[in-house]
Amino acid sequence: MEAIKIVTLGLADEIFAVEAEMVQEILDPVPITQVPNADPFVSGLINVRGKVMPLADPHVRFGMPTPPPSIDTRIVVVEVEHHGERINVGLLADKVYEVAEVTRQSMVDPPKLGMRWKPEFLQGIGKRGEEFMAIVNLAGLLGLNEVGTEAGAADARASR
């Protein structure tokens, strides 16, 4: 059974996971520079040891209210590929729980009916013990594959 390492995190009352190999570090909250007229999903920038990166709020994409910061709030820095370049993005999380393993066999596709979230935001649903968790598709969540974004528009032109 092939297992993947995941980092589990909380958003509101839900448990989500991202593949651990994409996680660069987990930070305590840092000052956020708001960007005027930016998309609410990526409305700010953070400075991590001299490197400026966008801060994305998954609450916005998942249609959840963003709670005020708490003692458990963290920023999960992930590395994603965009136009053949590796970039770092901070993801705001209410809480980071643990690094765990799930087997690919225990993962299922998101249900087509009754889901509150767009299927392109999820890689699948995993189960650990009796708990279900939504395993995030970072490229889908960050909009790296959408038509209308720079990457999506280039993909659409290339497929013509």
Protein backbone atom coordinates (compact mmCIF):
# COMPACT_ATOMS: atom_id res chain seq x y z
CA MET A 1 0.00 0.00 0.00
CA GLU A 2 1.45 3.30 -1.08
CA ALA A 3 1.27 5.90 1.67
CA ILE A 4 1.61 9.64 1.33
CA LYS A 5 2.64 12.00 4.08
CA ILE A 6 0.22 14.81 4.75
CA VAL A 7 0.07 17.85 7.01
CA THR A 8 -3.36 18.14 8.60
CA LEU A 9 -4.76 21.56 9.33
CA GLY A 10 -7.97 23.09 10.55
CA LEU A 11 -10.12 25.67 8.82
CA ALA A 12 -13.22 26.55 10.83
CA ASP A 13 -14.55 23.18 12.04
CA GLU A 14 -13.19 21.20 9.09
CA ILE A 15 -10.01 19.15 8.75
CA PHE A 16 -8.01 19.58 5.57
CA ALA A 17 -4.67 18.14 4.49
CA VAL A 18 -1.90 19.10 2.09
CA GLU A 19 0.84 16.81 0.86
CA ALA A 20 3.80 17.18 3.21
CA GLU A 21 6.31 17.20 0.35
CA MET A 22 4.87 20.56 -0.76
CA VAL A 23 5.16 22.12 2.71
CA GLN A 24 8.34 24.15 3.19
CA GLU A 25 7.68 25.40 6.71
CA ILE A 26 5.02 26.31 9.23
CA LEU A 27 5.16 29.81 10.71
CA ASP A 28 3.60 31.71 13.53
CA PRO A 29 1.65 34.70 12.18
CA VAL A 30 3.78 37.49 10.70
CA PRO A 31 2.77 41.03 9.66
CA ILE A 32 0.68 41.09 6.49
CA THR A 33 0.94 43.87 3.92
CA GLN A 34 -2.50 44.31 2.34
CA VAL A 35 -2.56 44.82 -1.43
CA PRO A 36 -5.18 47.38 -2.55
CA ASN A 37 -7.84 46.02 -4.93
CA ALA A 38 -6.43 42.48 -4.70
CA ASP A 39 -8.58 39.37 -4.84
CA PRO A 40 -9.79 38.64 -1.28
CA PHE A 41 -8.32 35.13 -1.58
CA VAL A 42 -4.77 36.50 -2.00
CA SER A 43 -5.10 39.96 -0.55
CA GLY A 44 -1.75 40.30 1.17
CA LEU A 45 1.98 39.72 1.08
CA ILE A 46 4.27 38.45 3.81
CA ASN A 47 8.00 38.78 4.30
CA VAL A 48 9.71 35.56 5.38
CA ARG A 49 13.38 36.18 6.13
CA GLY A 50 13.65 38.74 3.32
CA LYS A 51 11.61 36.77 0.78
CA VAL A 52 8.26 38.32 -0.15
CA MET A 53 5.44 35.89 -0.93
CA PRO A 54 1.68 36.02 -1.40
CA LEU A 55 -0.55 34.98 1.50
CA ALA A 56 -3.65 33.03 0.47
CA ASP A 57 -6.68 32.57 2.72
CA PRO A 58 -8.31 29.18 1.96
CA HIS A 59 -11.37 30.24 4.00
CA VAL A 60 -12.30 32.53 1.09
CA ARG A 61 -12.10 29.77 -1.56
CA PHE A 62 -14.01 27.33 0.64
CA GLY A 63 -16.74 29.88 1.41
CA MET A 64 -15.98 30.06 5.13
CA PRO A 65 -15.72 33.15 7.30
CA THR A 66 -12.15 34.00 8.26
CA PRO A 67 -11.91 34.00 12.05
CA PRO A 68 -9.75 36.50 13.91
CA PRO A 69 -6.19 35.24 14.57
CA SER A 70 -5.79 33.05 17.64
CA ILE A 71 -2.93 31.45 19.51
CA ASP A 72 -3.27 28.46 17.12
CA THR A 73 -3.22 30.44 13.84
CA ARG A 74 -0.38 29.42 11.54
CA ILE A 75 0.92 30.15 8.06
CA VAL A 76 1.76 27.03 6.06
CA VAL A 77 4.34 27.88 3.41
CA VAL A 78 3.96 25.63 0.38
CA GLU A 79 5.97 25.40 -2.81
CA VAL A 80 4.01 25.09 -6.05
CA GLU A 81 4.93 25.17 -9.71
CA HIS A 82 3.69 28.07 -11.82
CA HIS A 83 4.82 28.54 -15.44
CA GLY A 84 7.65 26.06 -14.87
CA GLU A 85 8.91 28.06 -11.89
CA ARG A 86 8.76 26.98 -8.25
CA ILE A 87 7.12 29.63 -6.06
CA ASN A 88 6.32 29.83 -2.38
CA VAL A 89 2.86 30.78 -1.14
CA GLY A 90 1.69 31.16 2.44
CA LEU A 91 -1.63 29.53 3.36
CA LEU A 92 -3.49 30.85 6.38
CA ALA A 93 -4.66 28.05 8.73
CA ASP A 94 -6.64 28.23 11.96
CA LYS A 95 -4.57 25.37 13.34
CA VAL A 96 -1.97 22.84 12.20
CA TYR A 97 -2.47 19.43 13.77
CA GLU A 98 0.16 16.94 12.67
CA VAL A 99 2.12 15.22 9.96
CA ALA A 100 0.45 11.90 9.22
CA GLU A 101 0.23 9.23 6.56
CA VAL A 102 -2.72 8.10 4.49
CA THR A 103 -2.71 5.34 1.95
CA ARG A 104 -3.78 6.13 -1.58
CA GLN A 105 -6.17 3.18 -1.27
CA SER A 106 -7.96 4.93 1.62
CA MET A 107 -8.52 8.05 -0.50
CA VAL A 108 -11.69 8.46 -2.51
CA ASP A 109 -12.81 11.03 -5.05
CA PRO A 110 -14.87 13.88 -3.64
CA PRO A 111 -18.59 13.08 -3.90
CA LYS A 112 -20.31 14.66 -6.89
CA LEU A 113 -23.40 15.46 -4.81
CA GLY A 114 -23.63 17.34 -1.56
CA MET A 115 -20.15 18.87 -1.46
CA ARG A 116 -19.86 22.53 -0.45
CA TRP A 117 -16.56 22.95 -2.24
CA LYS A 118 -15.61 22.93 -5.90
CA PRO A 119 -14.20 19.54 -6.89
CA GLU A 120 -11.12 21.15 -8.48
CA PHE A 121 -10.10 22.37 -5.00
CA LEU A 122 -9.80 18.79 -3.73
CA GLN A 123 -7.48 15.95 -4.61
CA GLY A 124 -9.65 13.53 -2.68
CA ILE A 125 -11.16 12.60 0.65
CA GLY A 126 -8.93 10.70 3.04
CA LYS A 127 -9.81 8.75 6.13
CA ARG A 128 -7.71 8.35 9.25
CA GLY A 129 -9.39 6.29 11.89
CA GLU A 130 -12.99 7.49 11.99
CA GLU A 131 -12.25 11.02 10.70
CA PHE A 132 -12.57 12.22 7.14
CA MET A 133 -10.38 14.97 5.78
CA ALA A 134 -10.39 16.88 2.53
CA ILE A 135 -7.02 16.58 0.79
CA VAL A 136 -6.42 19.87 -1.00
CA ASN A 137 -5.41 20.14 -4.65
CA LEU A 138 -3.13 23.17 -4.26
CA ALA A 139 -2.97 23.96 -8.00
CA GLY A 140 -6.78 24.01 -8.15
CA LEU A 141 -7.15 25.97 -4.91
CA LEU A 142 -4.59 28.58 -5.95
CA GLY A 143 -6.16 28.93 -9.40
CA LEU A 144 -3.03 27.85 -11.25
CA ASN A 145 -5.11 25.80 -13.72
CA GLU A 146 -8.01 28.21 -14.27
CA VAL A 147 -8.87 29.79 -17.59
CA GLY A 148 -8.86 33.51 -16.95
CA THR A 149 -5.65 33.36 -14.98
CA GLU A 150 -2.38 33.87 -16.76
CA ALA A 151 -1.59 30.13 -16.59
CA GLY A 152 -5.12 29.09 -17.58
CA ALA A 153 -5.20 31.49 -20.53
CA ALA A 154 -1.87 30.14 -21.81
CA ASP A 155 -3.15 26.56 -21.45
CA ALA A 156 -6.36 27.47 -23.32
CA ARG A 157 -4.37 29.09 -26.16
CA ALA A 158 -2.07 26.08 -26.40
CA SER A 159 -5.00 23.67 -26.71
CA ARG A 160 -6.54 25.46 -29.72
